[in-house]
Protein backbone atom coordinates (compact mmCIF):
# COMPACT_ATOMS: atom_id res chain seq x y z
CA UNK A 1 130.43 143.94 10.10
CA UNK A 2 132.23 146.76 11.92
CA UNK A 3 130.07 149.68 13.02
CA UNK A 4 131.11 153.03 11.61
CA UNK A 5 130.77 156.68 12.51
CA UNK A 6 130.57 159.27 9.75
CA UNK A 7 132.30 162.63 10.13
CA UNK A 8 131.54 165.42 7.69
CA UNK A 9 134.00 168.29 7.09
CA UNK A 10 132.86 170.72 4.44
CA UNK A 11 131.70 168.67 1.47
CA UNK A 12 133.66 165.56 2.39
CA UNK A 13 132.66 162.68 4.64
CA UNK A 14 134.90 160.20 6.41
CA UNK A 15 133.97 156.77 7.72
CA UNK A 16 135.56 156.01 11.09
CA UNK A 17 135.40 152.43 12.45
CA UNK A 18 133.87 151.95 15.90
CA UNK A 19 135.72 149.44 18.07
CA UNK A 20 133.96 147.61 20.88
CA UNK A 21 135.60 146.56 24.13
CA UNK A 22 134.44 143.78 26.41
CA UNK A 23 132.76 146.46 28.55
CA UNK A 24 132.73 150.24 28.78
CA UNK A 25 132.36 152.90 26.07
CA UNK A 26 132.93 152.06 22.40
CA UNK A 27 135.89 153.75 20.72
CA UNK A 28 135.97 155.70 17.46
CA UNK A 29 139.11 154.62 15.59
CA UNK A 30 140.85 157.75 14.22
CA UNK A 31 144.19 156.15 13.32
CA UNK A 32 143.72 156.76 9.58
CA UNK A 33 141.84 160.04 9.96
CA UNK A 34 144.87 162.33 9.52
CA UNK A 35 146.10 160.45 6.47
CA UNK A 36 142.65 160.61 4.85
CA UNK A 37 141.64 164.14 5.81
CA UNK A 38 144.78 166.11 6.76
CA UNK A 39 143.12 166.93 10.12
CA UNK A 40 144.21 166.08 13.65
CA UNK A 41 141.85 165.47 16.55
CA UNK A 42 142.21 167.82 19.55
CA UNK A 43 141.92 166.43 23.08
CA UNK A 44 144.03 168.20 25.75
CA UNK A 45 144.68 165.87 28.66
CA UNK A 46 143.51 162.92 26.52
CA UNK A 47 140.29 162.83 28.54
CA UNK A 48 138.28 161.48 25.59
CA UNK A 49 141.02 159.48 23.87
CA UNK A 50 141.89 155.81 24.29
CA UNK A 51 145.68 155.69 24.01
CA UNK A 52 145.95 151.91 23.96
CA UNK A 53 144.13 148.60 24.15
CA UNK A 54 144.46 146.90 27.55
CA UNK A 55 143.17 143.86 29.39
CA UNK A 56 144.48 144.81 32.85
CA UNK A 57 142.23 147.31 34.65
CA UNK A 58 138.72 148.62 34.02
CA UNK A 59 137.13 151.63 35.71
CA UNK A 60 133.51 152.78 35.51
CA UNK A 61 133.68 156.07 37.37
CA UNK A 62 129.93 156.74 37.25
CA UNK A 63 129.11 153.40 38.84
CA UNK A 64 132.08 153.39 41.24
CA UNK A 65 133.56 150.18 39.76
CA UNK A 66 137.24 149.18 39.66
CA UNK A 67 138.18 145.77 38.25
CA UNK A 68 141.61 144.14 37.98
CA UNK A 69 141.47 141.46 35.26
CA UNK A 70 137.72 141.33 35.96
CA UNK A 71 137.96 140.99 39.75
CA UNK A 72 136.35 143.77 41.88
CA UNK A 73 138.89 145.70 43.94
CA UNK A 74 136.97 145.21 47.19
CA UNK A 75 137.08 141.41 46.81
CA UNK A 76 140.80 141.46 46.12
CA UNK A 77 141.51 143.79 49.04
CA UNK A 78 139.44 141.73 51.47
CA UNK A 79 140.33 138.20 50.36
CA UNK A 80 143.61 138.30 48.47
CA UNK A 81 147.20 139.37 49.19
CA UNK A 82 149.34 141.93 47.43
CA UNK A 83 151.66 139.34 45.90
CA UNK A 84 148.68 137.38 44.59
CA UNK A 85 147.36 140.59 43.01
CA UNK A 86 150.83 141.18 41.53
CA UNK A 87 150.65 137.77 39.85
CA UNK A 88 147.14 138.54 38.61
CA UNK A 89 148.12 141.88 37.08
CA UNK A 90 151.29 140.51 35.49
CA UNK A 91 149.93 137.24 34.15
CA UNK A 92 146.19 137.73 33.71
CA UNK A 93 144.97 135.06 36.13
CA UNK A 94 145.02 134.36 39.84
CA UNK A 95 147.75 131.79 40.53
CA UNK A 96 147.25 128.17 41.50
CA UNK A 97 148.76 127.17 44.84
CA UNK A 98 151.84 125.82 43.08
CA UNK A 99 152.19 128.92 40.87
CA UNK A 100 151.87 131.21 43.86
CA UNK A 101 154.52 129.33 45.84
CA UNK A 102 156.95 129.74 42.95
CA UNK A 103 156.04 133.39 42.37
CA UNK A 104 156.35 134.26 46.06
CA UNK A 105 159.75 132.53 46.15
CA UNK A 106 160.94 134.50 43.10
CA UNK A 107 159.96 137.81 44.69
CA UNK A 108 161.22 137.01 48.18
CA UNK A 109 164.63 135.89 46.95
CA UNK A 110 165.11 139.03 44.86
CA UNK A 111 164.56 141.55 47.69
CA UNK A 112 168.25 142.04 48.47
CA UNK A 113 170.12 144.93 46.88
CA UNK A 114 173.66 144.65 45.58
CA UNK A 115 176.09 145.58 48.39
CA UNK A 116 177.52 148.39 46.26
CA UNK A 117 174.07 149.88 45.84
CA UNK A 118 173.93 151.07 49.46
CA UNK A 119 176.70 153.58 48.77
CA UNK A 120 174.40 155.15 46.18
CA UNK A 121 172.20 156.52 48.96
CA UNK A 122 175.15 158.28 50.57
CA UNK A 123 175.32 160.65 47.60
CA UNK A 124 172.06 162.31 48.64
CA UNK A 125 171.76 165.00 51.28
CA UNK A 126 170.28 163.80 54.53
CA UNK A 127 167.29 166.09 54.06
CA UNK A 128 166.63 164.91 50.48
CA UNK A 129 162.99 164.13 49.76
CA UNK A 130 162.52 160.34 49.66
CA UNK A 131 160.92 160.66 46.20
CA UNK A 132 164.13 162.26 44.89
CA UNK A 133 166.01 159.24 46.19
CA UNK A 134 163.48 156.83 44.68
CA UNK A 135 163.66 158.43 41.25
CA UNK A 136 167.44 158.22 41.17
CA UNK A 137 167.75 154.81 42.79
CA UNK A 138 165.29 153.02 40.53
CA UNK A 139 166.92 154.44 37.42
CA UNK A 140 170.31 153.32 38.77
CA UNK A 141 169.16 149.70 39.08
CA UNK A 142 169.84 149.28 35.37
CA UNK A 143 173.55 149.78 36.06
CA UNK A 144 173.48 146.65 38.22
CA UNK A 145 171.23 144.43 36.09
CA UNK A 146 172.47 144.73 32.53
CA UNK A 147 171.64 141.05 32.09
CA UNK A 148 167.90 141.77 31.83
CA UNK A 149 167.66 144.92 29.70
CA UNK A 150 166.76 143.29 26.39
CA UNK A 151 163.15 144.38 26.13
CA UNK A 152 162.49 142.06 23.20
CA UNK A 153 163.28 138.95 25.28
CA UNK A 154 160.16 137.75 27.20
CA UNK A 155 162.30 136.00 29.83
CA UNK A 156 164.34 139.12 30.51
CA UNK A 157 161.15 141.17 30.73
CA UNK A 158 159.87 138.74 33.36
CA UNK A 159 163.12 138.84 35.34
CA UNK A 160 163.10 142.65 35.34
CA UNK A 161 159.46 142.69 36.46
CA UNK A 162 160.20 140.38 39.38
CA UNK A 163 163.27 142.37 40.36
CA UNK A 164 161.39 145.65 40.40
CA UNK A 165 158.50 144.30 42.48
CA UNK A 166 160.96 142.65 44.88
CA UNK A 167 163.46 145.47 45.32
CA UNK A 168 161.08 148.41 45.50
CA UNK A 169 160.24 147.87 49.21
CA UNK A 170 163.95 147.63 50.04
CA UNK A 171 164.72 150.86 48.16
CA UNK A 172 161.72 152.65 49.70
CA UNK A 173 162.65 151.54 53.23
CA UNK A 174 166.25 152.65 52.71
CA UNK A 175 165.06 156.05 51.45
CA UNK A 176 163.03 156.36 54.67
CA UNK A 177 165.74 155.14 57.03
CA UNK A 178 168.32 157.37 55.35
CA UNK A 179 166.09 160.44 55.75
CA UNK A 180 165.71 159.86 59.50
CA UNK A 181 169.31 158.85 60.14
CA UNK A 182 168.77 155.20 61.02
CA UNK A 183 170.85 152.27 59.73
CA UNK A 184 169.60 150.20 56.80
CA UNK A 185 167.80 146.97 57.61
CA UNK A 186 168.30 143.86 55.50
CA UNK A 187 165.18 141.96 54.31
CA UNK A 188 164.44 138.53 55.74
CA UNK A 189 163.16 135.66 53.62
CA UNK A 190 160.82 134.18 56.26
CA UNK A 191 158.69 137.34 56.38
CA UNK A 192 155.85 138.25 54.05
CA UNK A 193 156.16 141.10 51.56
CA UNK A 194 154.40 143.64 53.78
CA UNK A 195 155.99 142.38 57.00
CA UNK A 196 159.40 142.76 55.43
CA UNK A 197 158.69 146.31 54.37
CA UNK A 198 157.42 147.39 57.79
CA UNK A 199 160.40 145.76 59.49
CA UNK A 200 162.85 147.48 57.14
CA UNK A 201 161.15 150.83 57.89
CA UNK A 202 160.67 150.68 61.64
CA UNK A 203 163.05 148.19 63.26
CA UNK A 204 166.15 149.46 65.06
CA UNK A 205 169.26 147.58 66.21
CA UNK A 206 168.60 148.38 69.86
CA UNK A 207 165.53 146.16 70.20
CA UNK A 208 163.72 143.25 68.62
CA UNK A 209 160.95 143.93 66.11
CA UNK A 210 157.70 141.96 66.22
CA UNK A 211 155.18 142.06 63.36
CA UNK A 212 151.70 143.36 64.15
CA UNK A 213 149.10 141.38 62.12
CA UNK A 214 146.68 144.33 61.95
CA UNK A 215 149.35 146.71 60.62
CA UNK A 216 150.69 144.07 58.24
CA UNK A 217 147.23 143.49 56.78
CA UNK A 218 146.66 147.26 56.55
CA UNK A 219 149.92 147.70 54.65
CA UNK A 220 149.02 144.85 52.31
CA UNK A 221 145.61 146.37 51.61
CA UNK A 222 147.12 149.79 50.93
CA UNK A 223 149.44 148.16 48.39
CA UNK A 224 146.53 146.32 46.75
CA UNK A 225 144.36 149.43 46.57
CA UNK A 226 147.14 151.38 44.82
CA UNK A 227 148.42 148.57 42.56
CA UNK A 228 146.95 149.85 39.29
CA UNK A 229 144.43 152.44 38.14
CA UNK A 230 144.12 152.20 34.39
CA UNK A 231 145.69 154.85 32.09
CA UNK A 232 146.40 157.58 34.63
CA UNK A 233 149.18 160.17 34.23
CA UNK A 234 152.05 158.07 35.60
CA UNK A 235 150.96 154.87 33.84
CA UNK A 236 150.65 156.75 30.55
CA UNK A 237 154.13 158.15 31.21
CA UNK A 238 155.52 154.64 31.67
CA UNK A 239 153.87 153.47 28.45
CA UNK A 240 155.05 156.52 26.50
CA UNK A 241 158.62 156.09 27.75
CA UNK A 242 158.47 152.38 26.97
CA UNK A 243 157.13 152.98 23.48
CA UNK A 244 160.63 154.09 22.46
CA UNK A 245 162.02 150.72 23.53
CA UNK A 246 163.36 152.01 26.86
CA UNK A 247 164.15 149.36 29.48
CA UNK A 248 161.79 149.00 32.48
CA UNK A 249 164.07 150.59 35.10
CA UNK A 250 164.12 153.86 33.12
CA UNK A 251 160.37 153.67 32.48
CA UNK A 252 159.47 153.05 36.13
CA UNK A 253 161.76 155.93 37.17
CA UNK A 254 159.79 158.12 34.73
CA UNK A 255 156.55 156.92 36.30
CA UNK A 256 157.84 157.78 39.78
CA UNK A 257 158.79 161.28 38.59
CA UNK A 258 155.27 161.80 37.23
CA UNK A 259 153.67 160.41 40.38
CA UNK A 260 155.59 162.97 42.44
CA UNK A 261 153.26 165.71 41.20
CA UNK A 262 150.81 166.91 43.88
CA UNK A 263 147.86 166.46 41.52
CA UNK A 264 148.66 162.75 41.28
CA UNK A 265 150.55 160.90 44.00
CA UNK A 266 150.64 163.75 46.49
CA UNK A 267 146.89 163.93 47.05
CA UNK A 268 146.90 162.07 50.39
CA UNK A 269 149.64 164.38 51.67
CA UNK A 270 147.53 167.39 50.66
CA UNK A 271 144.53 165.90 52.48
CA UNK A 272 146.56 165.56 55.68
CA UNK A 273 147.95 169.09 55.33
CA UNK A 274 144.37 170.34 55.03
CA UNK A 275 143.53 168.65 58.33
CA UNK A 276 146.57 170.32 59.92
CA UNK A 277 145.34 173.66 58.58
CA UNK A 278 141.90 173.09 60.15
CA UNK A 279 143.66 172.21 63.40
CA UNK A 280 140.75 171.45 65.74
CA UNK A 281 137.23 170.07 65.58
CA UNK A 282 135.89 173.49 66.54
CA UNK A 283 137.29 174.99 63.33
CA UNK A 284 135.49 172.54 61.03
CA UNK A 285 132.21 174.49 60.57
CA UNK A 286 134.10 177.62 59.50
CA UNK A 287 136.32 175.64 57.11
CA UNK A 288 133.34 173.83 55.59
CA UNK A 289 131.62 177.17 55.04
CA UNK A 290 134.83 178.42 53.43
CA UNK A 291 134.70 175.47 51.04
CA UNK A 292 131.12 176.35 50.11
CA UNK A 293 132.18 179.97 49.59
CA UNK A 294 135.01 178.78 47.27
CA UNK A 295 137.69 180.08 49.66
CA UNK A 296 139.20 176.66 50.33
CA UNK A 297 139.48 173.33 48.62
CA UNK A 298 138.28 170.15 50.29
CA UNK A 299 141.23 167.82 49.76
CA UNK A 300 140.68 164.07 49.89
CA UNK A 301 137.06 164.33 48.76
CA UNK A 302 135.68 163.56 45.32
CA UNK A 303 137.72 162.15 42.43
CA UNK A 304 138.34 163.08 38.81
CA UNK A 305 137.37 159.60 37.63
CA UNK A 306 134.81 158.48 40.19
CA UNK A 307 131.52 160.36 40.05
CA UNK A 308 130.28 158.07 42.78
CA UNK A 309 131.89 156.66 45.93
CA UNK A 310 135.50 155.63 45.27
CA UNK A 311 135.31 151.80 45.62
CA UNK A 312 138.80 151.78 47.14
CA UNK A 313 137.73 154.25 49.81
CA UNK A 314 135.26 151.82 51.40
CA UNK A 315 138.01 149.28 52.04
CA UNK A 316 140.45 152.00 53.09
CA UNK A 317 137.91 153.42 55.55
CA UNK A 318 137.53 150.03 57.23
CA UNK A 319 141.31 149.56 57.30
CA UNK A 320 141.76 153.02 58.78
CA UNK A 321 139.39 152.29 61.66
CA UNK A 322 141.08 148.94 62.33
CA UNK A 323 144.51 150.57 62.55
CA UNK A 324 143.32 153.39 64.81
CA UNK A 325 141.62 150.92 67.13
CA UNK A 326 144.65 148.64 67.22
CA UNK A 327 147.09 151.44 68.03
CA UNK A 328 144.79 153.33 70.37
CA UNK A 329 146.17 156.62 69.12
CA UNK A 330 144.76 159.81 70.61
CA UNK A 331 145.81 162.20 67.85
CA UNK A 332 143.82 165.48 67.69
CA UNK A 333 144.26 165.52 63.93
CA UNK A 334 142.55 162.15 63.63
CA UNK A 335 139.60 163.52 65.59
CA UNK A 336 139.41 166.36 63.08
CA UNK A 337 139.43 163.84 60.23
CA UNK A 338 136.66 161.71 61.68
CA UNK A 339 134.45 164.73 62.38
CA UNK A 340 135.04 166.17 58.91
CA UNK A 341 134.08 162.80 57.44
CA UNK A 342 130.77 162.87 59.35
CA UNK A 343 130.02 166.39 58.15
CA UNK A 344 130.82 165.61 54.51
CA UNK A 345 128.71 162.44 54.50
CA UNK A 346 125.67 164.22 55.94
CA UNK A 347 125.81 167.73 54.42
CA UNK A 348 123.53 168.09 51.35
CA UNK A 349 126.11 170.41 49.71
CA UNK A 350 128.69 167.62 49.51
CA UNK A 351 126.18 164.83 48.84
CA UNK A 352 124.66 166.66 45.87
CA UNK A 353 128.12 167.21 44.40
CA UNK A 354 129.16 163.63 45.20
CA UNK A 355 132.13 164.86 47.19
CA UNK A 356 132.58 161.67 49.15
CA UNK A 357 135.83 160.91 51.02
CA UNK A 358 138.20 159.18 48.61
CA UNK A 359 141.07 156.77 49.18
CA UNK A 360 143.55 159.61 49.73
CA UNK A 361 141.58 160.91 52.72
CA UNK A 362 141.68 157.60 54.57
CA UNK A 363 145.13 156.46 53.46
CA UNK A 364 146.76 159.66 54.70
CA UNK A 365 145.21 159.22 58.15
CA UNK A 366 146.16 155.54 58.25
CA UNK A 367 149.77 156.05 57.18
CA UNK A 368 150.20 158.86 59.72
CA UNK A 369 148.89 156.58 62.45
CA UNK A 370 151.30 153.82 61.37
CA UNK A 371 154.25 156.18 61.79
CA UNK A 372 155.01 157.33 58.25
CA UNK A 373 155.81 161.04 57.72
CA UNK A 374 153.94 162.81 54.93
CA UNK A 375 156.99 162.89 52.64
CA UNK A 376 156.83 159.07 52.51
CA UNK A 377 153.23 158.87 51.33
CA UNK A 378 154.04 159.18 47.62
CA UNK A 379 156.92 156.72 48.03
CA UNK A 380 154.47 154.11 49.30
CA UNK A 381 152.19 154.89 46.37
CA UNK A 382 155.11 154.34 43.97
CA UNK A 383 156.03 151.07 45.68
CA UNK A 384 152.50 149.73 45.27
CA UNK A 385 151.99 151.10 41.75
CA UNK A 386 155.20 149.50 40.44
CA UNK A 387 153.39 146.26 39.64
CA UNK A 388 150.73 148.16 37.68
CA UNK A 389 153.36 150.10 35.77
CA UNK A 390 155.40 147.03 34.93
CA UNK A 391 152.26 145.07 33.95
CA UNK A 392 151.21 147.86 31.59
CA UNK A 393 154.76 148.12 30.22
CA UNK A 394 154.88 144.35 29.67
CA UNK A 395 151.47 144.36 27.96
CA UNK A 396 152.59 147.15 25.64
CA UNK A 397 155.65 145.16 24.54
CA UNK A 398 153.47 142.13 23.84
CA UNK A 399 151.16 144.20 21.60
CA UNK A 400 152.07 143.64 17.91
CA UNK A 401 150.59 147.05 17.01
CA UNK A 402 152.95 148.94 19.37
CA UNK A 403 154.31 152.21 17.98
CA UNK A 404 156.47 154.91 19.49
CA UNK A 405 154.26 157.56 21.08
CA UNK A 406 153.99 160.75 19.06
CA UNK A 407 151.12 163.07 20.09
CA UNK A 408 150.29 165.88 17.67
CA UNK A 409 149.47 169.50 18.39
CA UNK A 410 147.36 172.49 17.43
CA UNK A 411 150.07 174.99 16.48
CA UNK A 412 149.22 178.64 17.24
CA UNK A 413 152.69 180.21 17.09
CA UNK A 414 154.31 182.43 14.46
CA UNK A 415 154.16 181.33 10.84
CA UNK A 416 157.30 181.12 8.68
CA UNK A 417 159.41 184.29 8.65
CA UNK A 418 162.93 185.27 7.62
CA UNK A 419 165.88 185.81 9.93
CA UNK A 420 166.97 189.44 10.44
CA UNK A 421 170.54 190.30 11.56
CA UNK A 422 170.71 191.74 15.08
CA UNK A 423 171.84 195.21 13.90
CA UNK A 424 168.75 195.52 11.72
CA UNK A 425 166.14 194.53 14.27
CA UNK A 426 164.04 197.43 15.48
């Protein structure tokens, strides 16, 4: 027997079914509420509304838990690889050795871009933001792959998913190389996913490029930690775009556009810009006091979802220290970051408010140390999140209850009135 909630409005009562998930809060089913009562529910930002049913990612923000298909994020980041996590998100299970070999082959041998595609980049100004290039380039992929745009064909959905995961590093690296005036670098099949990306970003024709295992592993972890994060703004955008039947290239481009917002994908850039504003270790006490006095915001600390320590931040912190040690970088800004971290983790003001360093704080420092400019941070986020977006898009198309998204509103504008000719308007 299904549990029910009873809602009373005036002298009428309405029974609303309560749906139970495998874990997490129960959900009050309001799908028939408007038809029965002529009332909408009101939830700006959808902070209390479940927009879909999903089996991909689960977050318990109060407990600091993030699970992908049931696997804790820290275990995946420490023991798995990004491509293995891609298979897990897409297909629901970790692959067998044979399945992984085939999946890795499919991705590796789809990393090349059509030769004509390179001319697409030339249409952008040299100083174009890499996210502007990404948004346009990903949407343009559909012009080259019309053979896999039938969203109702499971095989074509799979081919498009593999193409997007495979080609995103190549597009991202080209956006980077184009912005700094270096020639494009072609992917190589003998390299791993993360090795290939780093090579395409940082190798130059004048000298040989050698992979650094510490940096490769750091890049792979960063991709894993950003792979999916439940029904956030960009993922909801992808699902909403896809609900109309739009093909995945258009939907992922929409997700990238949403991610571009500073409140979403730009958070690690804002954290680094805060460190630049602080400038030196000596300025930290005054800045911290300014935060307490509500003069400044402490970027890279706390999280809208996590009311505890961000589980991704623990892995990112370790990765950050490994990269800094490996590179031996003596960057004053990194000293500011490390000192600010110590202050925040020991000051009762921040502890009481659970303002712990989040993933954006450590990832910004790490990416800076690895040589990425701040305008590339959101591009890397988009690269990693592509598998989450496409997994959510694929799951939505496999849901028999799928409907086109159509949020309602609380209308507070003018009521019906008659048109008045312009010469008679006072």
